[in-house]
Amino acid sequence: QKSVQIELKIADATVGIMCFELVNSIEINDYINGKLEFLVAPKNEEFKTLVQVELRPRTKVDCSTLSLCPMAA
């Protein structure tokens, strides 16, 4: 389906849901500590969005987007 949904829970209570579309692949960087990353819409030439997930030693989700298009004057 090329989509990723991350659901953050504390006990049985959902505290956040993040959905990402147009994901072609997920790269596992560190299986033991649960570190992985993926690009959102990797074929888009104007924006590159990188999502990094870490499960241990603490849960963390970082998203960053880089604009590759020139700024209008």
N, C-alpha and C. Protein backbone atom coordinates (compact mmCIF):
# COMPACT_ATOMS: atom_id res chain seq x y z
N GLN A 1 0.81 -1.20 0.00
CA GLN A 1 0.00 0.00 0.00
C GLN A 1 0.85 1.26 0.00
N LYS A 2 2.15 1.13 0.28
CA LYS A 2 3.08 2.26 0.29
C LYS A 2 2.71 3.31 1.34
N SER A 3 2.18 2.86 2.47
CA SER A 3 1.87 3.79 3.55
C SER A 3 2.36 3.21 4.87
N VAL A 4 2.68 4.12 5.79
CA VAL A 4 3.14 3.73 7.13
C VAL A 4 2.29 4.48 8.14
N GLN A 5 1.81 3.76 9.14
CA GLN A 5 1.07 4.39 10.24
C GLN A 5 1.80 4.04 11.53
N ILE A 6 2.13 5.06 12.30
CA ILE A 6 2.80 4.88 13.59
C ILE A 6 1.81 5.29 14.67
N GLU A 7 1.52 4.37 15.58
CA GLU A 7 0.60 4.64 16.68
C GLU A 7 1.39 4.57 17.98
N LEU A 8 1.42 5.69 18.71
CA LEU A 8 2.11 5.74 20.00
C LEU A 8 1.11 5.50 21.11
N LYS A 9 1.44 4.55 22.00
CA LYS A 9 0.53 4.20 23.09
C LYS A 9 1.26 4.23 24.42
N ILE A 10 0.55 4.61 25.45
CA ILE A 10 1.00 4.45 26.83
C ILE A 10 -0.01 3.52 27.47
N ALA A 11 0.46 2.34 27.87
CA ALA A 11 -0.41 1.26 28.31
C ALA A 11 -1.38 0.97 27.16
N ASP A 12 -2.68 1.09 27.37
CA ASP A 12 -3.64 0.85 26.30
C ASP A 12 -4.18 2.13 25.70
N ALA A 13 -3.68 3.28 26.14
CA ALA A 13 -4.20 4.57 25.65
C ALA A 13 -3.35 5.09 24.49
N THR A 14 -3.99 5.39 23.37
CA THR A 14 -3.31 5.97 22.22
C THR A 14 -3.05 7.45 22.49
N VAL A 15 -1.79 7.87 22.37
CA VAL A 15 -1.44 9.27 22.61
C VAL A 15 -1.08 10.01 21.32
N GLY A 16 -0.94 9.26 20.23
CA GLY A 16 -0.65 9.91 18.96
C GLY A 16 -0.64 8.93 17.81
N ILE A 17 -1.08 9.40 16.65
CA ILE A 17 -1.05 8.60 15.43
C ILE A 17 -0.47 9.47 14.32
N MET A 18 0.51 8.92 13.60
CA MET A 18 1.11 9.62 12.46
C MET A 18 0.98 8.72 11.24
N CYS A 19 0.51 9.29 10.14
CA CYS A 19 0.34 8.53 8.90
C CYS A 19 1.21 9.15 7.81
N PHE A 20 1.88 8.29 7.05
CA PHE A 20 2.74 8.73 5.97
C PHE A 20 2.39 7.94 4.72
N GLU A 21 2.22 8.62 3.60
CA GLU A 21 1.88 8.00 2.32
C GLU A 21 3.09 8.07 1.38
N LEU A 22 3.03 7.28 0.33
CA LEU A 22 4.07 7.24 -0.71
C LEU A 22 5.43 6.85 -0.15
N VAL A 23 5.46 5.77 0.63
CA VAL A 23 6.68 5.21 1.19
C VAL A 23 7.03 3.96 0.37
N ASN A 24 8.20 3.97 -0.26
CA ASN A 24 8.59 2.82 -1.08
C ASN A 24 9.29 1.73 -0.29
N SER A 25 10.07 2.11 0.72
CA SER A 25 10.81 1.11 1.49
C SER A 25 11.16 1.65 2.87
N ILE A 26 11.44 0.73 3.78
CA ILE A 26 11.86 1.06 5.13
C ILE A 26 13.22 0.42 5.35
N GLU A 27 14.16 1.22 5.85
CA GLU A 27 15.51 0.71 6.13
C GLU A 27 15.68 0.53 7.63
N ILE A 28 15.99 -0.69 8.05
CA ILE A 28 16.24 -0.96 9.47
C ILE A 28 17.73 -0.72 9.73
N ASN A 29 18.04 0.30 10.53
CA ASN A 29 19.43 0.67 10.82
C ASN A 29 20.01 -0.13 11.97
N ASP A 30 19.18 -0.47 12.95
CA ASP A 30 19.65 -1.17 14.15
C ASP A 30 18.49 -2.02 14.66
N TYR A 31 18.50 -3.30 14.33
CA TYR A 31 17.40 -4.19 14.70
C TYR A 31 17.26 -4.35 16.21
N ILE A 32 18.38 -4.44 16.92
CA ILE A 32 18.36 -4.65 18.37
C ILE A 32 17.67 -3.50 19.09
N ASN A 33 18.00 -2.26 18.71
CA ASN A 33 17.42 -1.09 19.37
C ASN A 33 16.19 -0.55 18.67
N GLY A 34 15.75 -1.21 17.62
CA GLY A 34 14.53 -0.80 16.94
C GLY A 34 14.66 0.55 16.25
N LYS A 35 15.76 0.78 15.53
CA LYS A 35 15.96 2.04 14.81
C LYS A 35 15.73 1.80 13.33
N LEU A 36 14.85 2.62 12.74
CA LEU A 36 14.56 2.50 11.32
C LEU A 36 14.29 3.87 10.74
N GLU A 37 14.32 3.95 9.41
CA GLU A 37 14.03 5.22 8.74
C GLU A 37 13.41 4.94 7.38
N PHE A 38 12.69 5.94 6.88
CA PHE A 38 12.11 5.84 5.55
C PHE A 38 11.92 7.24 4.98
N LEU A 39 11.89 7.30 3.64
CA LEU A 39 11.64 8.54 2.91
C LEU A 39 10.18 8.57 2.48
N VAL A 40 9.54 9.72 2.63
CA VAL A 40 8.18 9.92 2.17
C VAL A 40 8.24 10.53 0.78
N ALA A 41 7.54 9.93 -0.18
CA ALA A 41 7.52 10.40 -1.57
C ALA A 41 8.94 10.58 -2.12
N PRO A 42 9.74 9.52 -2.15
CA PRO A 42 11.15 9.66 -2.56
C PRO A 42 11.34 10.12 -3.99
N LYS A 43 10.34 9.98 -4.85
CA LYS A 43 10.48 10.41 -6.25
C LYS A 43 10.17 11.89 -6.43
N ASN A 44 9.67 12.55 -5.40
CA ASN A 44 9.36 13.98 -5.47
C ASN A 44 10.68 14.74 -5.54
N GLU A 45 10.86 15.52 -6.59
CA GLU A 45 12.11 16.26 -6.78
C GLU A 45 12.15 17.59 -6.02
N GLU A 46 11.03 18.03 -5.46
CA GLU A 46 10.99 19.33 -4.78
C GLU A 46 11.18 19.21 -3.27
N PHE A 47 10.74 18.12 -2.68
CA PHE A 47 10.81 17.95 -1.22
C PHE A 47 11.29 16.55 -0.90
N LYS A 48 12.13 16.45 0.11
CA LYS A 48 12.57 15.16 0.63
C LYS A 48 12.23 15.12 2.12
N THR A 49 11.39 14.19 2.52
CA THR A 49 11.00 14.05 3.92
C THR A 49 11.55 12.74 4.46
N LEU A 50 12.36 12.83 5.51
CA LEU A 50 12.97 11.68 6.16
C LEU A 50 12.31 11.48 7.51
N VAL A 51 11.87 10.26 7.78
CA VAL A 51 11.28 9.91 9.08
C VAL A 51 12.20 8.89 9.74
N GLN A 52 12.63 9.19 10.97
CA GLN A 52 13.49 8.29 11.73
C GLN A 52 12.76 7.88 13.01
N VAL A 53 12.75 6.56 13.27
CA VAL A 53 12.05 6.02 14.43
C VAL A 53 13.06 5.26 15.29
N GLU A 54 12.99 5.50 16.60
CA GLU A 54 13.86 4.80 17.56
C GLU A 54 12.97 4.28 18.68
N LEU A 55 13.07 2.98 18.99
CA LEU A 55 12.23 2.39 20.04
C LEU A 55 12.95 2.25 21.37
N ARG A 56 14.27 2.06 21.33
CA ARG A 56 15.04 1.91 22.56
C ARG A 56 16.32 2.73 22.44
N PRO A 57 16.84 3.30 23.47
CA PRO A 57 16.44 3.19 24.88
C PRO A 57 15.19 4.01 25.23
N ARG A 58 14.80 4.94 24.35
CA ARG A 58 13.55 5.67 24.56
C ARG A 58 12.85 5.80 23.22
N THR A 59 11.56 5.92 23.22
CA THR A 59 10.80 6.02 21.98
C THR A 59 10.91 7.43 21.43
N LYS A 60 11.28 7.51 20.14
CA LYS A 60 11.46 8.82 19.52
C LYS A 60 11.11 8.71 18.04
N VAL A 61 10.38 9.70 17.53
CA VAL A 61 10.08 9.79 16.10
C VAL A 61 10.49 11.19 15.65
N ASP A 62 11.41 11.26 14.69
CA ASP A 62 11.88 12.54 14.14
C ASP A 62 11.50 12.61 12.66
N CYS A 63 10.97 13.75 12.25
CA CYS A 63 10.65 14.00 10.84
C CYS A 63 11.33 15.27 10.40
N SER A 64 11.93 15.24 9.23
CA SER A 64 12.53 16.46 8.69
C SER A 64 12.29 16.50 7.19
N THR A 65 12.04 17.71 6.68
CA THR A 65 11.79 17.89 5.25
C THR A 65 12.78 18.91 4.71
N LEU A 66 13.38 18.57 3.60
CA LEU A 66 14.32 19.44 2.90
C LEU A 66 13.69 19.85 1.59
N SER A 67 13.61 21.15 1.37
CA SER A 67 13.09 21.68 0.12
C SER A 67 14.23 21.81 -0.86
N LEU A 68 14.08 21.20 -2.02
CA LEU A 68 15.12 21.24 -3.03
C LEU A 68 14.83 22.23 -4.14
N CYS A 69 13.69 22.92 -4.04
CA CYS A 69 13.34 23.87 -5.09
C CYS A 69 13.91 25.24 -4.74
N PRO A 70 14.29 26.04 -5.75
CA PRO A 70 14.85 27.37 -5.49
C PRO A 70 13.80 28.31 -4.90
N MET A 71 14.25 29.21 -4.08
CA MET A 71 13.37 30.21 -3.47
C MET A 71 13.01 31.27 -4.50
N ALA A 72 11.76 31.71 -4.49
CA ALA A 72 11.32 32.78 -5.39
C ALA A 72 11.83 34.11 -4.88
N ALA A 73 12.27 34.96 -5.77
CA ALA A 73 12.82 36.25 -5.36
C ALA A 73 11.72 37.27 -5.19
